[in-house]
């Protein structure tokens, strides 16, 4: 779970340093995948009682909020042919 959580932020940072929107978008998509991975692991941890239901539910809701933000950000990155970062 730590690796997936760190991967979310790390891929956003790495993508932001890329020279094109399409590359940035690709790293955001990888970050989104890591957030889904983390959500799955939290659900499993809850189901096998590694986490109590209340804490697990709070964390799952938090991760789902991150997923919505990432999805919105990804959708906002439409290619702009006049943007020098998109070339």
C-alpha atoms as a PDB file:
ATOM      1  CA  UNK A   1       0.000   0.000   0.000  1.00  0.00           C
ATOM      2  CA  UNK A   2       2.889   2.362   0.714  1.00  0.00           C
ATOM      3  CA  UNK A   3       4.335   1.801  -2.751  1.00  0.00           C
ATOM      4  CA  UNK A   4       1.008   2.474  -4.443  1.00  0.00           C
ATOM      5  CA  UNK A   5       0.442   5.624  -2.371  1.00  0.00           C
ATOM      6  CA  UNK A   6       3.937   6.973  -3.084  1.00  0.00           C
ATOM      7  CA  UNK A   7       3.529   6.082  -6.763  1.00  0.00           C
ATOM      8  CA  UNK A   8       0.498   8.377  -7.039  1.00  0.00           C
ATOM      9  CA  UNK A   9       2.444  11.494  -6.097  1.00  0.00           C
ATOM     10  CA  UNK A  10       5.671  10.380  -7.774  1.00  0.00           C
ATOM     11  CA  UNK A  11       4.037   9.888 -11.173  1.00  0.00           C
ATOM     12  CA  UNK A  12       2.292  13.250 -10.971  1.00  0.00           C
ATOM     13  CA  UNK A  13       5.632  14.912 -10.240  1.00  0.00           C
ATOM     14  CA  UNK A  14       7.464  13.003 -12.965  1.00  0.00           C
ATOM     15  CA  UNK A  15       4.751  13.768 -15.513  1.00  0.00           C
ATOM     16  CA  UNK A  16       4.777  17.461 -14.659  1.00  0.00           C
ATOM     17  CA  UNK A  17       8.441  17.575 -15.636  1.00  0.00           C
ATOM     18  CA  UNK A  18       7.769  16.132 -19.093  1.00  0.00           C
ATOM     19  CA  UNK A  19       7.830  18.288 -22.182  1.00  0.00           C
ATOM     20  CA  UNK A  20       4.378  17.535 -23.574  1.00  0.00           C
ATOM     21  CA  UNK A  21       0.806  17.363 -22.410  1.00  0.00           C
ATOM     22  CA  UNK A  22       0.448  13.869 -23.826  1.00  0.00           C
ATOM     23  CA  UNK A  23       3.371  12.620 -21.740  1.00  0.00           C
ATOM     24  CA  UNK A  24       2.014  14.395 -18.656  1.00  0.00           C
ATOM     25  CA  UNK A  25      -1.389  12.822 -19.296  1.00  0.00           C
ATOM     26  CA  UNK A  26       0.218   9.383 -19.570  1.00  0.00           C
ATOM     27  CA  UNK A  27       1.870   9.793 -16.169  1.00  0.00           C
ATOM     28  CA  UNK A  28      -1.397  11.027 -14.672  1.00  0.00           C
ATOM     29  CA  UNK A  29      -3.049   7.872 -16.016  1.00  0.00           C
ATOM     30  CA  UNK A  30      -0.351   5.764 -14.357  1.00  0.00           C
ATOM     31  CA  UNK A  31      -0.981   7.702 -11.153  1.00  0.00           C
ATOM     32  CA  UNK A  32      -4.702   6.986 -11.471  1.00  0.00           C
ATOM     33  CA  UNK A  33      -3.922   3.289 -11.875  1.00  0.00           C
ATOM     34  CA  UNK A  34      -1.897   3.395  -8.666  1.00  0.00           C
ATOM     35  CA  UNK A  35      -4.816   5.005  -6.866  1.00  0.00           C
ATOM     36  CA  UNK A  36      -7.125   2.196  -8.016  1.00  0.00           C
ATOM     37  CA  UNK A  37      -4.502  -0.286  -6.851  1.00  0.00           C
ATOM     38  CA  UNK A  38      -4.424   1.404  -3.437  1.00  0.00           C
ATOM     39  CA  UNK A  39      -8.217   1.415  -3.236  1.00  0.00           C
ATOM     40  CA  UNK A  40      -8.298  -2.320  -4.000  1.00  0.00           C
ATOM     41  CA  UNK A  41      -5.700  -3.013  -1.343  1.00  0.00           C
ATOM     42  CA  UNK A  42      -7.670  -0.998   1.217  1.00  0.00           C
ATOM     43  CA  UNK A  43     -10.816  -2.985   0.422  1.00  0.00           C
ATOM     44  CA  UNK A  44      -8.898  -6.239   0.835  1.00  0.00           C
ATOM     45  CA  UNK A  45      -7.355  -5.008   4.106  1.00  0.00           C
ATOM     46  CA  UNK A  46     -10.849  -4.177   5.352  1.00  0.00           C
ATOM     47  CA  UNK A  47     -12.285  -7.534   4.270  1.00  0.00           C
ATOM     48  CA  UNK A  48      -9.551  -9.528   5.999  1.00  0.00           C
ATOM     49  CA  UNK A  49      -9.786  -7.281   9.086  1.00  0.00           C
ATOM     50  CA  UNK A  50      -6.340  -5.682   8.837  1.00  0.00           C
ATOM     51  CA  UNK A  51      -8.159  -2.351   9.120  1.00  0.00           C
ATOM     52  CA  UNK A  52     -11.306  -1.673  11.099  1.00  0.00           C
ATOM     53  CA  UNK A  53     -14.335  -0.775   9.009  1.00  0.00           C
ATOM     54  CA  UNK A  54     -14.501   2.889  10.074  1.00  0.00           C
ATOM     55  CA  UNK A  55     -10.863   3.701   9.269  1.00  0.00           C
ATOM     56  CA  UNK A  56     -10.920   1.676   6.059  1.00  0.00           C
ATOM     57  CA  UNK A  57     -14.063   3.439   4.869  1.00  0.00           C
ATOM     58  CA  UNK A  58     -12.545   6.871   5.544  1.00  0.00           C
ATOM     59  CA  UNK A  59      -9.396   5.954   3.620  1.00  0.00           C
ATOM     60  CA  UNK A  60     -11.359   4.474   0.719  1.00  0.00           C
ATOM     61  CA  UNK A  61     -13.473   7.632   0.439  1.00  0.00           C
ATOM     62  CA  UNK A  62     -10.299   9.741   0.494  1.00  0.00           C
ATOM     63  CA  UNK A  63      -8.690   7.669  -2.282  1.00  0.00           C
ATOM     64  CA  UNK A  64     -11.890   7.819  -4.341  1.00  0.00           C
ATOM     65  CA  UNK A  65     -11.781  11.610  -4.029  1.00  0.00           C
ATOM     66  CA  UNK A  66      -8.204  11.575  -5.369  1.00  0.00           C
ATOM     67  CA  UNK A  67      -9.344   9.346  -8.241  1.00  0.00           C
ATOM     68  CA  UNK A  68     -12.071  11.838  -9.175  1.00  0.00           C
ATOM     69  CA  UNK A  69      -9.597  14.714  -9.086  1.00  0.00           C
ATOM     70  CA  UNK A  70      -7.092  12.829 -11.234  1.00  0.00           C
ATOM     71  CA  UNK A  71      -9.795  11.823 -13.724  1.00  0.00           C
ATOM     72  CA  UNK A  72     -10.938  15.428 -14.004  1.00  0.00           C
ATOM     73  CA  UNK A  73      -7.382  16.629 -14.481  1.00  0.00           C
ATOM     74  CA  UNK A  74      -6.732  13.994 -17.156  1.00  0.00           C
ATOM     75  CA  UNK A  75      -9.921  14.978 -18.985  1.00  0.00           C
ATOM     76  CA  UNK A  76      -8.936  18.652 -18.855  1.00  0.00           C
ATOM     77  CA  UNK A  77      -5.666  18.016 -20.701  1.00  0.00           C
ATOM     78  CA  UNK A  78      -6.937  18.226 -24.233  1.00  0.00           C
ATOM     79  CA  UNK A  79      -4.324  18.669 -26.910  1.00  0.00           C
ATOM     80  CA  UNK A  80      -3.919  22.292 -27.915  1.00  0.00           C
ATOM     81  CA  UNK A  81      -1.975  22.544 -31.158  1.00  0.00           C
ATOM     82  CA  UNK A  82      -0.928  26.116 -30.333  1.00  0.00           C
ATOM     83  CA  UNK A  83       0.511  25.117 -26.963  1.00  0.00           C
ATOM     84  CA  UNK A  84       4.277  24.637 -27.130  1.00  0.00           C
ATOM     85  CA  UNK A  85       4.086  22.029 -24.355  1.00  0.00           C
ATOM     86  CA  UNK A  86       1.809  19.851 -26.481  1.00  0.00           C
ATOM     87  CA  UNK A  87       4.410  19.395 -29.256  1.00  0.00           C
END
